[in-house]
């Protein structure tokens, strides 16, 4: 697993990232307005998030057909393929595992039966098998 230090103590990164989670494609101006930061602070935060591959830079507005006048704005979006979120429900009779992209799209939904007479070790093994299967299916 790769760990990236985003510069703890820099709340601007968190504010821009909070905005990016639900923004879709956005410009620095969009992030600046939402995060209530200065332009230079916003651009610095965006550049840091691009450098560590949390955000991706999209084609500019001219290339996207949204160009009006002047220099086209740089556009960005959160990398939805950066990781996954795993949800699991292990009950008395079944285990359900869902693997979703960061944007919320479910990649895998698996449900396996459990039996109440299974030992703790057997249940743990079945749960871990279900988790491994779901992760393999999401890859």
C-alpha atoms as a PDB file:
ATOM      1  CA  UNK A   1       0.000   0.000   0.000  1.00  0.00           C
ATOM      2  CA  UNK A   2       1.296   3.449  -0.895  1.00  0.00           C
ATOM      3  CA  UNK A   3       1.040   6.138   1.735  1.00  0.00           C
ATOM      4  CA  UNK A   4       1.200   9.784   0.772  1.00  0.00           C
ATOM      5  CA  UNK A   5       1.775  12.651   3.175  1.00  0.00           C
ATOM      6  CA  UNK A   6      -0.557  15.383   2.006  1.00  0.00           C
ATOM      7  CA  UNK A   7       1.024  17.899   4.342  1.00  0.00           C
ATOM      8  CA  UNK A   8      -0.784  17.679   7.635  1.00  0.00           C
ATOM      9  CA  UNK A   9      -1.573  21.077   9.004  1.00  0.00           C
ATOM     10  CA  UNK A  10      -2.789  22.294   5.598  1.00  0.00           C
ATOM     11  CA  UNK A  11      -6.553  22.524   5.914  1.00  0.00           C
ATOM     12  CA  UNK A  12      -6.749  23.894   2.372  1.00  0.00           C
ATOM     13  CA  UNK A  13      -6.075  20.386   1.036  1.00  0.00           C
ATOM     14  CA  UNK A  14      -8.963  18.978   3.016  1.00  0.00           C
ATOM     15  CA  UNK A  15     -11.304  21.745   1.938  1.00  0.00           C
ATOM     16  CA  UNK A  16     -10.487  21.279  -1.738  1.00  0.00           C
ATOM     17  CA  UNK A  17     -10.770  17.493  -1.391  1.00  0.00           C
ATOM     18  CA  UNK A  18     -14.120  17.818   0.404  1.00  0.00           C
ATOM     19  CA  UNK A  19     -15.346  19.895  -2.537  1.00  0.00           C
ATOM     20  CA  UNK A  20     -13.934  17.481  -5.140  1.00  0.00           C
ATOM     21  CA  UNK A  21     -15.793  14.453  -3.695  1.00  0.00           C
ATOM     22  CA  UNK A  22     -19.100  15.584  -5.147  1.00  0.00           C
ATOM     23  CA  UNK A  23     -18.093  18.188  -7.729  1.00  0.00           C
ATOM     24  CA  UNK A  24     -17.475  16.122 -10.845  1.00  0.00           C
ATOM     25  CA  UNK A  25     -15.360  18.173 -13.269  1.00  0.00           C
ATOM     26  CA  UNK A  26     -14.397  21.526 -11.764  1.00  0.00           C
ATOM     27  CA  UNK A  27     -12.111  24.519 -12.201  1.00  0.00           C
ATOM     28  CA  UNK A  28      -9.936  26.236  -9.627  1.00  0.00           C
ATOM     29  CA  UNK A  29     -12.544  29.023  -9.496  1.00  0.00           C
ATOM     30  CA  UNK A  30     -15.256  26.499  -8.597  1.00  0.00           C
ATOM     31  CA  UNK A  31     -13.094  25.049  -5.808  1.00  0.00           C
ATOM     32  CA  UNK A  32     -12.037  28.510  -4.615  1.00  0.00           C
ATOM     33  CA  UNK A  33     -15.650  29.640  -4.213  1.00  0.00           C
ATOM     34  CA  UNK A  34     -16.769  26.470  -2.473  1.00  0.00           C
ATOM     35  CA  UNK A  35     -13.776  26.168  -0.150  1.00  0.00           C
ATOM     36  CA  UNK A  36     -13.623  29.919   0.606  1.00  0.00           C
ATOM     37  CA  UNK A  37      -9.898  30.046  -0.133  1.00  0.00           C
ATOM     38  CA  UNK A  38      -7.738  32.483  -2.076  1.00  0.00           C
ATOM     39  CA  UNK A  39      -6.932  31.630  -5.679  1.00  0.00           C
ATOM     40  CA  UNK A  40      -3.241  30.975  -4.956  1.00  0.00           C
ATOM     41  CA  UNK A  41      -4.034  28.732  -1.968  1.00  0.00           C
ATOM     42  CA  UNK A  42      -6.641  26.838  -3.989  1.00  0.00           C
ATOM     43  CA  UNK A  43      -4.293  26.314  -6.934  1.00  0.00           C
ATOM     44  CA  UNK A  44      -1.504  25.186  -4.607  1.00  0.00           C
ATOM     45  CA  UNK A  45      -3.844  22.656  -2.969  1.00  0.00           C
ATOM     46  CA  UNK A  46      -5.083  21.421  -6.357  1.00  0.00           C
ATOM     47  CA  UNK A  47      -1.527  21.063  -7.678  1.00  0.00           C
ATOM     48  CA  UNK A  48      -0.555  19.075  -4.570  1.00  0.00           C
ATOM     49  CA  UNK A  49      -3.559  16.763  -5.014  1.00  0.00           C
ATOM     50  CA  UNK A  50      -2.702  16.311  -8.711  1.00  0.00           C
ATOM     51  CA  UNK A  51       0.958  15.576  -7.840  1.00  0.00           C
ATOM     52  CA  UNK A  52      -0.074  12.754  -5.483  1.00  0.00           C
ATOM     53  CA  UNK A  53      -2.639  11.455  -8.033  1.00  0.00           C
ATOM     54  CA  UNK A  54      -5.740  12.145  -5.933  1.00  0.00           C
ATOM     55  CA  UNK A  55      -7.046  14.550  -8.583  1.00  0.00           C
ATOM     56  CA  UNK A  56      -6.541  14.282 -12.327  1.00  0.00           C
ATOM     57  CA  UNK A  57      -6.275  17.216 -14.698  1.00  0.00           C
ATOM     58  CA  UNK A  58      -8.794  17.075 -17.528  1.00  0.00           C
ATOM     59  CA  UNK A  59      -8.528  18.642 -20.970  1.00  0.00           C
ATOM     60  CA  UNK A  60      -9.031  22.400 -20.720  1.00  0.00           C
ATOM     61  CA  UNK A  61     -12.356  24.056 -21.493  1.00  0.00           C
ATOM     62  CA  UNK A  62     -11.366  24.746 -25.110  1.00  0.00           C
ATOM     63  CA  UNK A  63     -10.644  21.052 -25.717  1.00  0.00           C
ATOM     64  CA  UNK A  64     -13.907  20.123 -23.960  1.00  0.00           C
ATOM     65  CA  UNK A  65     -15.920  22.501 -26.165  1.00  0.00           C
ATOM     66  CA  UNK A  66     -16.805  24.828 -23.286  1.00  0.00           C
ATOM     67  CA  UNK A  67     -14.440  27.631 -24.261  1.00  0.00           C
ATOM     68  CA  UNK A  68     -15.832  31.171 -24.323  1.00  0.00           C
ATOM     69  CA  UNK A  69     -13.103  33.798 -24.413  1.00  0.00           C
ATOM     70  CA  UNK A  70      -9.701  34.406 -22.917  1.00  0.00           C
ATOM     71  CA  UNK A  71      -7.389  31.726 -21.637  1.00  0.00           C
ATOM     72  CA  UNK A  72      -9.285  28.456 -21.050  1.00  0.00           C
ATOM     73  CA  UNK A  73      -9.471  27.306 -17.445  1.00  0.00           C
ATOM     74  CA  UNK A  74      -7.726  24.185 -16.228  1.00  0.00           C
ATOM     75  CA  UNK A  75     -10.242  21.537 -15.181  1.00  0.00           C
ATOM     76  CA  UNK A  76      -9.910  18.749 -12.633  1.00  0.00           C
ATOM     77  CA  UNK A  77     -11.781  15.820 -11.140  1.00  0.00           C
ATOM     78  CA  UNK A  78     -11.343  13.365  -8.295  1.00  0.00           C
ATOM     79  CA  UNK A  79      -9.779  10.088  -9.411  1.00  0.00           C
ATOM     80  CA  UNK A  80     -12.631   7.658  -8.782  1.00  0.00           C
ATOM     81  CA  UNK A  81     -10.311   4.732  -9.532  1.00  0.00           C
ATOM     82  CA  UNK A  82      -8.013   5.643  -6.676  1.00  0.00           C
ATOM     83  CA  UNK A  83      -9.460   3.034  -4.361  1.00  0.00           C
ATOM     84  CA  UNK A  84     -12.574   1.264  -3.227  1.00  0.00           C
ATOM     85  CA  UNK A  85     -14.872   1.193  -0.231  1.00  0.00           C
ATOM     86  CA  UNK A  86     -15.894  -2.159   1.224  1.00  0.00           C
ATOM     87  CA  UNK A  87     -19.142  -2.765   3.069  1.00  0.00           C
ATOM     88  CA  UNK A  88     -19.851  -6.035   4.817  1.00  0.00           C
ATOM     89  CA  UNK A  89     -22.820  -7.470   6.706  1.00  0.00           C
ATOM     90  CA  UNK A  90     -22.088 -10.742   8.475  1.00  0.00           C
ATOM     91  CA  UNK A  91     -25.254 -12.073  10.058  1.00  0.00           C
ATOM     92  CA  UNK A  92     -26.386 -15.372  11.514  1.00  0.00           C
ATOM     93  CA  UNK A  93     -27.418 -16.846   8.161  1.00  0.00           C
ATOM     94  CA  UNK A  94     -25.464 -14.951   5.525  1.00  0.00           C
ATOM     95  CA  UNK A  95     -22.589 -12.627   4.704  1.00  0.00           C
ATOM     96  CA  UNK A  96     -22.987  -9.826   2.169  1.00  0.00           C
ATOM     97  CA  UNK A  97     -20.019  -7.934   0.746  1.00  0.00           C
ATOM     98  CA  UNK A  98     -20.162  -4.885  -1.521  1.00  0.00           C
ATOM     99  CA  UNK A  99     -17.185  -3.221  -3.140  1.00  0.00           C
ATOM    100  CA  UNK A 100     -17.815   0.284  -4.478  1.00  0.00           C
ATOM    101  CA  UNK A 101     -15.760   2.929  -6.235  1.00  0.00           C
ATOM    102  CA  UNK A 102     -15.070   6.167  -4.404  1.00  0.00           C
ATOM    103  CA  UNK A 103     -17.806   7.811  -6.452  1.00  0.00           C
ATOM    104  CA  UNK A 104     -20.342   5.289  -5.141  1.00  0.00           C
ATOM    105  CA  UNK A 105     -20.735   2.960  -8.132  1.00  0.00           C
ATOM    106  CA  UNK A 106     -20.990  -0.624  -6.859  1.00  0.00           C
ATOM    107  CA  UNK A 107     -18.486  -2.902  -8.595  1.00  0.00           C
ATOM    108  CA  UNK A 108     -19.358  -6.135  -6.775  1.00  0.00           C
ATOM    109  CA  UNK A 109     -22.259  -7.348  -4.629  1.00  0.00           C
ATOM    110  CA  UNK A 110     -21.896 -10.863  -3.226  1.00  0.00           C
ATOM    111  CA  UNK A 111     -24.059 -12.777  -0.781  1.00  0.00           C
ATOM    112  CA  UNK A 112     -23.080 -16.130   0.709  1.00  0.00           C
ATOM    113  CA  UNK A 113     -25.020 -18.347   3.064  1.00  0.00           C
ATOM    114  CA  UNK A 114     -23.767 -19.127   6.544  1.00  0.00           C
ATOM    115  CA  UNK A 115     -25.142 -21.747   8.872  1.00  0.00           C
ATOM    116  CA  UNK A 116     -25.758 -21.017  12.557  1.00  0.00           C
ATOM    117  CA  UNK A 117     -24.119 -24.332  13.480  1.00  0.00           C
ATOM    118  CA  UNK A 118     -20.752 -23.288  12.003  1.00  0.00           C
ATOM    119  CA  UNK A 119     -17.949 -22.804  14.500  1.00  0.00           C
ATOM    120  CA  UNK A 120     -16.403 -19.371  14.963  1.00  0.00           C
ATOM    121  CA  UNK A 121     -13.357 -20.462  12.958  1.00  0.00           C
ATOM    122  CA  UNK A 122     -15.552 -21.770  10.112  1.00  0.00           C
ATOM    123  CA  UNK A 123     -17.567 -18.545  10.062  1.00  0.00           C
ATOM    124  CA  UNK A 124     -14.410 -16.425  10.030  1.00  0.00           C
ATOM    125  CA  UNK A 125     -13.034 -18.505   7.164  1.00  0.00           C
ATOM    126  CA  UNK A 126     -16.288 -18.160   5.187  1.00  0.00           C
ATOM    127  CA  UNK A 127     -16.372 -14.397   5.790  1.00  0.00           C
ATOM    128  CA  UNK A 128     -12.748 -13.975   4.687  1.00  0.00           C
ATOM    129  CA  UNK A 129     -13.424 -16.114   1.584  1.00  0.00           C
ATOM    130  CA  UNK A 130     -16.378 -13.886   0.699  1.00  0.00           C
ATOM    131  CA  UNK A 131     -14.263 -10.771   1.162  1.00  0.00           C
ATOM    132  CA  UNK A 132     -11.423 -12.167  -0.976  1.00  0.00           C
ATOM    133  CA  UNK A 133     -13.869 -13.216  -3.695  1.00  0.00           C
ATOM    134  CA  UNK A 134     -15.485  -9.767  -3.769  1.00  0.00           C
ATOM    135  CA  UNK A 135     -12.113  -8.025  -3.967  1.00  0.00           C
ATOM    136  CA  UNK A 136     -11.007 -10.346  -6.784  1.00  0.00           C
ATOM    137  CA  UNK A 137     -14.231  -9.566  -8.626  1.00  0.00           C
ATOM    138  CA  UNK A 138     -13.674  -5.830  -8.232  1.00  0.00           C
ATOM    139  CA  UNK A 139     -10.142  -5.892  -9.652  1.00  0.00           C
END
